[in-house]
Amino acid sequence: MTTSLADLRRVAEIEFGDFVTDAQTLGEKVRLFLNDGSYIDLWLSQQLPDRFGFHWERRHLDKTFYRYDNFPNSAWREVDTYPRHFHNGAQEAVEAAPFSAELLTGFRDFLSFVKDKIS
């Protein structure tokens, strides 16, 4: 079964409703609004199976952002989990993805990371 944006949105709203306050579909992505004033954009490729990006935007709060994606950027080829990688606070702060390779589990892992950071 292929995971959809609707599936991700449902997980966020039901399982993480203690800090996800709203969700909106914006074209080809879903934006999750969080109780600290930040937001997460969710994107799944419509053409490349299993290609995704989860971007937590906080630059307006503390000048950071966090992104877990699997775009095969050759700049991150040395990362152990390539093409999966994690931008930990900034564009160039890239490290091995600490989240599951399985899309839905990795999404839950990412939201758990967010929850721990804002708690």
N, C-alpha and C. Protein backbone atom coordinates (compact mmCIF):
# COMPACT_ATOMS: atom_id res chain seq x y z
N MET A 1 0.84 -1.19 0.00
CA MET A 1 0.00 0.00 0.00
C MET A 1 0.88 1.25 0.00
N THR A 2 0.58 2.18 -0.86
CA THR A 2 1.32 3.42 -0.96
C THR A 2 0.80 4.43 0.05
N THR A 3 1.70 5.09 0.75
CA THR A 3 1.34 6.11 1.72
C THR A 3 1.04 7.42 0.97
N SER A 4 -0.04 8.07 1.34
CA SER A 4 -0.43 9.33 0.70
C SER A 4 -0.25 10.50 1.67
N LEU A 5 -0.35 11.71 1.14
CA LEU A 5 -0.34 12.89 2.00
C LEU A 5 -1.51 12.87 2.97
N ALA A 6 -2.65 12.36 2.52
CA ALA A 6 -3.82 12.24 3.40
C ALA A 6 -3.51 11.31 4.57
N ASP A 7 -2.78 10.23 4.31
CA ASP A 7 -2.38 9.31 5.39
C ASP A 7 -1.49 10.03 6.40
N LEU A 8 -0.51 10.78 5.91
CA LEU A 8 0.40 11.51 6.79
C LEU A 8 -0.37 12.55 7.61
N ARG A 9 -1.26 13.24 6.95
CA ARG A 9 -2.06 14.26 7.65
C ARG A 9 -2.88 13.63 8.77
N ARG A 10 -3.48 12.49 8.48
CA ARG A 10 -4.28 11.79 9.48
C ARG A 10 -3.43 11.38 10.69
N VAL A 11 -2.25 10.84 10.44
CA VAL A 11 -1.34 10.46 11.53
C VAL A 11 -1.01 11.69 12.38
N ALA A 12 -0.69 12.80 11.72
CA ALA A 12 -0.33 14.02 12.45
C ALA A 12 -1.49 14.51 13.31
N GLU A 13 -2.67 14.57 12.74
CA GLU A 13 -3.83 15.11 13.45
C GLU A 13 -4.29 14.19 14.59
N ILE A 14 -4.23 12.90 14.39
CA ILE A 14 -4.73 11.96 15.40
C ILE A 14 -3.68 11.62 16.45
N GLU A 15 -2.49 11.23 15.99
CA GLU A 15 -1.47 10.75 16.92
C GLU A 15 -0.65 11.87 17.56
N PHE A 16 -0.60 13.03 16.92
CA PHE A 16 0.23 14.13 17.41
C PHE A 16 -0.60 15.40 17.61
N GLY A 17 -1.89 15.23 17.86
CA GLY A 17 -2.80 16.35 18.04
C GLY A 17 -2.52 17.19 19.27
N ASP A 18 -1.64 16.72 20.15
CA ASP A 18 -1.30 17.53 21.32
C ASP A 18 -0.44 18.74 20.96
N PHE A 19 0.20 18.73 19.78
CA PHE A 19 0.96 19.92 19.36
C PHE A 19 0.70 20.32 17.91
N VAL A 20 0.05 19.47 17.11
CA VAL A 20 -0.37 19.83 15.75
C VAL A 20 -1.76 20.45 15.88
N THR A 21 -1.86 21.74 15.62
CA THR A 21 -3.11 22.45 15.87
C THR A 21 -4.02 22.56 14.65
N ASP A 22 -3.44 22.45 13.44
CA ASP A 22 -4.23 22.56 12.23
C ASP A 22 -3.42 21.97 11.08
N ALA A 23 -4.09 21.67 9.98
CA ALA A 23 -3.43 21.18 8.78
C ALA A 23 -4.18 21.71 7.56
N GLN A 24 -3.40 22.08 6.54
CA GLN A 24 -4.00 22.58 5.29
C GLN A 24 -3.29 21.94 4.11
N THR A 25 -4.06 21.59 3.11
CA THR A 25 -3.48 21.14 1.86
C THR A 25 -3.20 22.38 1.02
N LEU A 26 -1.96 22.52 0.59
CA LEU A 26 -1.52 23.66 -0.22
C LEU A 26 -0.91 23.13 -1.51
N GLY A 27 -1.72 22.96 -2.51
CA GLY A 27 -1.23 22.40 -3.77
C GLY A 27 -0.77 20.97 -3.58
N GLU A 28 0.50 20.73 -3.83
CA GLU A 28 1.05 19.38 -3.74
C GLU A 28 1.70 19.07 -2.40
N LYS A 29 1.41 19.88 -1.39
CA LYS A 29 1.96 19.60 -0.07
C LYS A 29 0.89 19.81 0.99
N VAL A 30 1.18 19.33 2.18
CA VAL A 30 0.34 19.57 3.35
C VAL A 30 1.17 20.36 4.34
N ARG A 31 0.59 21.39 4.92
CA ARG A 31 1.25 22.18 5.95
C ARG A 31 0.57 21.88 7.29
N LEU A 32 1.39 21.49 8.25
CA LEU A 32 0.94 21.26 9.62
C LEU A 32 1.32 22.46 10.47
N PHE A 33 0.37 23.04 11.16
CA PHE A 33 0.62 24.18 12.04
C PHE A 33 0.78 23.66 13.46
N LEU A 34 1.81 24.14 14.15
CA LEU A 34 2.15 23.65 15.47
C LEU A 34 1.85 24.69 16.55
N ASN A 35 1.68 24.22 17.77
CA ASN A 35 1.27 25.11 18.86
C ASN A 35 2.34 26.11 19.30
N ASP A 36 3.57 26.00 18.79
CA ASP A 36 4.61 26.97 19.13
C ASP A 36 4.75 28.06 18.07
N GLY A 37 3.88 28.05 17.04
CA GLY A 37 3.93 29.06 15.99
C GLY A 37 4.76 28.63 14.79
N SER A 38 5.36 27.46 14.82
CA SER A 38 6.11 26.95 13.68
C SER A 38 5.20 26.07 12.82
N TYR A 39 5.75 25.55 11.72
CA TYR A 39 4.96 24.68 10.86
C TYR A 39 5.85 23.65 10.18
N ILE A 40 5.22 22.58 9.72
CA ILE A 40 5.91 21.52 8.99
C ILE A 40 5.24 21.37 7.63
N ASP A 41 6.05 21.38 6.58
CA ASP A 41 5.55 21.09 5.24
C ASP A 41 5.87 19.64 4.90
N LEU A 42 4.88 18.92 4.40
CA LEU A 42 5.01 17.53 3.98
C LEU A 42 4.88 17.46 2.48
N TRP A 43 5.79 16.76 1.84
CA TRP A 43 5.75 16.64 0.39
C TRP A 43 6.06 15.20 0.01
N LEU A 44 5.27 14.65 -0.91
CA LEU A 44 5.50 13.34 -1.51
C LEU A 44 5.50 13.52 -3.02
N SER A 45 6.50 12.97 -3.68
CA SER A 45 6.58 13.09 -5.13
C SER A 45 5.39 12.41 -5.79
N GLN A 46 4.85 13.05 -6.80
CA GLN A 46 3.76 12.47 -7.58
C GLN A 46 4.31 11.60 -8.72
N GLN A 47 5.61 11.77 -9.03
CA GLN A 47 6.19 11.05 -10.16
C GLN A 47 7.23 10.01 -9.77
N LEU A 48 7.94 10.23 -8.67
CA LEU A 48 8.98 9.30 -8.24
C LEU A 48 8.52 8.59 -6.97
N PRO A 49 8.28 7.30 -7.05
CA PRO A 49 7.77 6.59 -5.87
C PRO A 49 8.75 6.68 -4.71
N ASP A 50 8.20 6.86 -3.54
CA ASP A 50 8.95 6.88 -2.28
C ASP A 50 9.85 8.11 -2.10
N ARG A 51 9.74 9.12 -2.94
CA ARG A 51 10.52 10.36 -2.77
C ARG A 51 9.71 11.29 -1.88
N PHE A 52 10.32 11.81 -0.81
CA PHE A 52 9.60 12.61 0.17
C PHE A 52 10.47 13.71 0.75
N GLY A 53 9.82 14.66 1.42
CA GLY A 53 10.49 15.68 2.20
C GLY A 53 9.58 16.15 3.32
N PHE A 54 10.12 16.22 4.53
CA PHE A 54 9.41 16.76 5.69
C PHE A 54 10.26 17.93 6.20
N HIS A 55 9.72 19.13 6.15
CA HIS A 55 10.47 20.35 6.47
C HIS A 55 9.80 21.08 7.62
N TRP A 56 10.51 21.19 8.75
CA TRP A 56 10.00 21.91 9.92
C TRP A 56 10.62 23.31 9.92
N GLU A 57 9.80 24.30 9.68
CA GLU A 57 10.25 25.69 9.55
C GLU A 57 10.15 26.44 10.87
N ARG A 58 11.31 26.92 11.34
CA ARG A 58 11.39 27.67 12.60
C ARG A 58 12.23 28.94 12.47
N ARG A 59 12.64 29.29 11.27
CA ARG A 59 13.55 30.45 11.11
C ARG A 59 12.94 31.72 11.64
N HIS A 60 11.62 31.87 11.58
CA HIS A 60 10.97 33.07 12.10
C HIS A 60 10.96 33.08 13.64
N LEU A 61 11.24 31.94 14.27
CA LEU A 61 11.26 31.85 15.73
C LEU A 61 12.68 31.86 16.29
N ASP A 62 13.56 31.03 15.72
CA ASP A 62 14.92 30.92 16.28
C ASP A 62 16.00 30.72 15.22
N LYS A 63 15.67 31.01 13.97
CA LYS A 63 16.60 30.94 12.85
C LYS A 63 17.03 29.51 12.48
N THR A 64 16.23 28.51 12.86
CA THR A 64 16.56 27.13 12.52
C THR A 64 15.47 26.51 11.65
N PHE A 65 15.84 25.43 10.97
CA PHE A 65 14.87 24.56 10.33
C PHE A 65 15.45 23.15 10.36
N TYR A 66 14.56 22.20 10.22
CA TYR A 66 14.93 20.79 10.24
C TYR A 66 14.23 20.12 9.07
N ARG A 67 14.98 19.34 8.30
CA ARG A 67 14.36 18.69 7.14
C ARG A 67 14.89 17.26 7.02
N TYR A 68 13.96 16.35 6.87
CA TYR A 68 14.28 14.95 6.59
C TYR A 68 13.78 14.67 5.18
N ASP A 69 14.69 14.29 4.29
CA ASP A 69 14.27 13.99 2.92
C ASP A 69 15.18 12.93 2.32
N ASN A 70 14.79 12.49 1.15
CA ASN A 70 15.60 11.49 0.45
C ASN A 70 15.88 11.90 -0.99
N PHE A 71 16.05 13.20 -1.21
CA PHE A 71 16.46 13.68 -2.52
C PHE A 71 17.94 13.34 -2.69
N PRO A 72 18.32 12.69 -3.76
CA PRO A 72 19.71 12.25 -3.92
C PRO A 72 20.66 13.38 -4.31
N ASN A 73 20.90 14.29 -3.39
CA ASN A 73 21.81 15.41 -3.60
C ASN A 73 23.24 14.88 -3.46
N SER A 74 24.03 15.02 -4.50
CA SER A 74 25.40 14.47 -4.49
C SER A 74 26.26 15.11 -3.40
N ALA A 75 25.90 16.28 -2.91
CA ALA A 75 26.65 16.92 -1.83
C ALA A 75 26.61 16.10 -0.54
N TRP A 76 25.58 15.27 -0.41
CA TRP A 76 25.42 14.48 0.82
C TRP A 76 25.75 13.01 0.59
N ARG A 77 26.46 12.69 -0.46
CA ARG A 77 26.79 11.32 -0.83
C ARG A 77 27.56 10.57 0.26
N GLU A 78 28.29 11.29 1.09
CA GLU A 78 29.10 10.67 2.15
C GLU A 78 28.27 10.32 3.39
N VAL A 79 27.04 10.75 3.44
CA VAL A 79 26.17 10.46 4.59
C VAL A 79 25.82 8.97 4.57
N ASP A 80 25.96 8.32 5.71
CA ASP A 80 25.74 6.87 5.81
C ASP A 80 24.38 6.41 5.29
N THR A 81 23.36 7.21 5.45
CA THR A 81 22.00 6.80 5.06
C THR A 81 21.60 7.33 3.68
N TYR A 82 22.55 7.86 2.91
CA TYR A 82 22.29 8.43 1.59
C TYR A 82 21.43 7.49 0.75
N PRO A 83 20.40 8.00 0.07
CA PRO A 83 20.07 9.41 -0.12
C PRO A 83 19.26 10.03 1.03
N ARG A 84 18.81 9.21 1.97
CA ARG A 84 18.10 9.78 3.12
C ARG A 84 19.11 10.58 3.96
N HIS A 85 18.70 11.78 4.36
CA HIS A 85 19.57 12.61 5.19
C HIS A 85 18.73 13.59 5.99
N PHE A 86 19.36 14.20 6.97
CA PHE A 86 18.66 15.08 7.91
C PHE A 86 19.42 16.39 8.03
N HIS A 87 18.72 17.49 7.75
CA HIS A 87 19.27 18.84 7.95
C HIS A 87 18.93 19.21 9.39
N ASN A 88 19.92 19.23 10.24
CA ASN A 88 19.70 19.39 11.68
C ASN A 88 19.93 20.84 12.11
N GLY A 89 18.98 21.69 11.78
CA GLY A 89 19.02 23.08 12.21
C GLY A 89 19.38 24.07 11.12
N ALA A 90 20.08 23.61 10.07
CA ALA A 90 20.52 24.51 8.99
C ALA A 90 20.77 23.71 7.72
N GLN A 91 20.83 24.40 6.59
CA GLN A 91 21.02 23.76 5.30
C GLN A 91 22.29 22.90 5.25
N GLU A 92 23.39 23.41 5.76
CA GLU A 92 24.66 22.69 5.66
C GLU A 92 24.91 21.74 6.83
N ALA A 93 24.05 21.74 7.83
CA ALA A 93 24.21 20.85 8.99
C ALA A 93 23.53 19.52 8.68
N VAL A 94 24.13 18.76 7.78
CA VAL A 94 23.53 17.52 7.30
C VAL A 94 24.19 16.33 7.97
N GLU A 95 23.35 15.38 8.37
CA GLU A 95 23.85 14.17 9.01
C GLU A 95 23.01 12.98 8.57
N ALA A 96 23.46 11.80 8.98
CA ALA A 96 22.71 10.58 8.69
C ALA A 96 21.31 10.71 9.28
N ALA A 97 20.35 10.21 8.55
CA ALA A 97 18.95 10.28 9.00
C ALA A 97 18.76 9.39 10.22
N PRO A 98 18.31 9.97 11.34
CA PRO A 98 18.09 9.18 12.55
C PRO A 98 16.69 8.55 12.59
N PHE A 99 15.97 8.61 11.48
CA PHE A 99 14.59 8.16 11.41
C PHE A 99 14.50 6.91 10.53
N SER A 100 13.44 6.14 10.72
CA SER A 100 13.24 4.92 9.96
C SER A 100 13.20 5.19 8.46
N ALA A 101 13.70 4.22 7.69
CA ALA A 101 13.65 4.31 6.23
C ALA A 101 12.23 4.06 5.71
N GLU A 102 11.41 3.39 6.48
CA GLU A 102 10.02 3.14 6.08
C GLU A 102 9.25 4.44 6.24
N LEU A 103 8.57 4.87 5.20
CA LEU A 103 7.99 6.22 5.12
C LEU A 103 7.10 6.57 6.31
N LEU A 104 6.11 5.77 6.60
CA LEU A 104 5.16 6.10 7.67
C LEU A 104 5.84 6.07 9.04
N THR A 105 6.67 5.09 9.27
CA THR A 105 7.40 5.01 10.55
C THR A 105 8.38 6.17 10.66
N GLY A 106 9.07 6.49 9.57
CA GLY A 106 9.99 7.62 9.56
C GLY A 106 9.28 8.93 9.83
N PHE A 107 8.07 9.08 9.32
CA PHE A 107 7.28 10.28 9.58
C PHE A 107 6.93 10.38 11.06
N ARG A 108 6.50 9.26 11.64
CA ARG A 108 6.21 9.25 13.08
C ARG A 108 7.47 9.58 13.88
N ASP A 109 8.60 9.04 13.47
CA ASP A 109 9.87 9.34 14.14
C ASP A 109 10.18 10.83 14.07
N PHE A 110 9.97 11.42 12.88
CA PHE A 110 10.23 12.85 12.69
C PHE A 110 9.32 13.68 13.59
N LEU A 111 8.03 13.34 13.64
CA LEU A 111 7.11 14.09 14.50
C LEU A 111 7.45 13.90 15.98
N SER A 112 7.94 12.74 16.35
CA SER A 112 8.38 12.54 17.75
C SER A 112 9.58 13.41 18.06
N PHE A 113 10.50 13.56 17.10
CA PHE A 113 11.64 14.46 17.25
C PHE A 113 11.15 15.90 17.48
N VAL A 114 10.19 16.33 16.65
CA VAL A 114 9.62 17.68 16.78
C VAL A 114 9.00 17.85 18.14
N LYS A 115 8.21 16.88 18.55
CA LYS A 115 7.53 16.97 19.86
C LYS A 115 8.54 17.11 20.99
N ASP A 116 9.62 16.34 20.95
CA ASP A 116 10.66 16.42 21.99
C ASP A 116 11.31 17.80 21.99
N LYS A 117 11.53 18.38 20.82
CA LYS A 117 12.18 19.69 20.73
C LYS A 117 11.31 20.81 21.27
N ILE A 118 9.99 20.74 21.05
CA ILE A 118 9.14 21.85 21.49
C ILE A 118 8.56 21.64 22.89
N SER A 119 8.78 20.46 23.45
CA SER A 119 8.26 20.21 24.83
C SER A 119 9.13 20.87 25.87
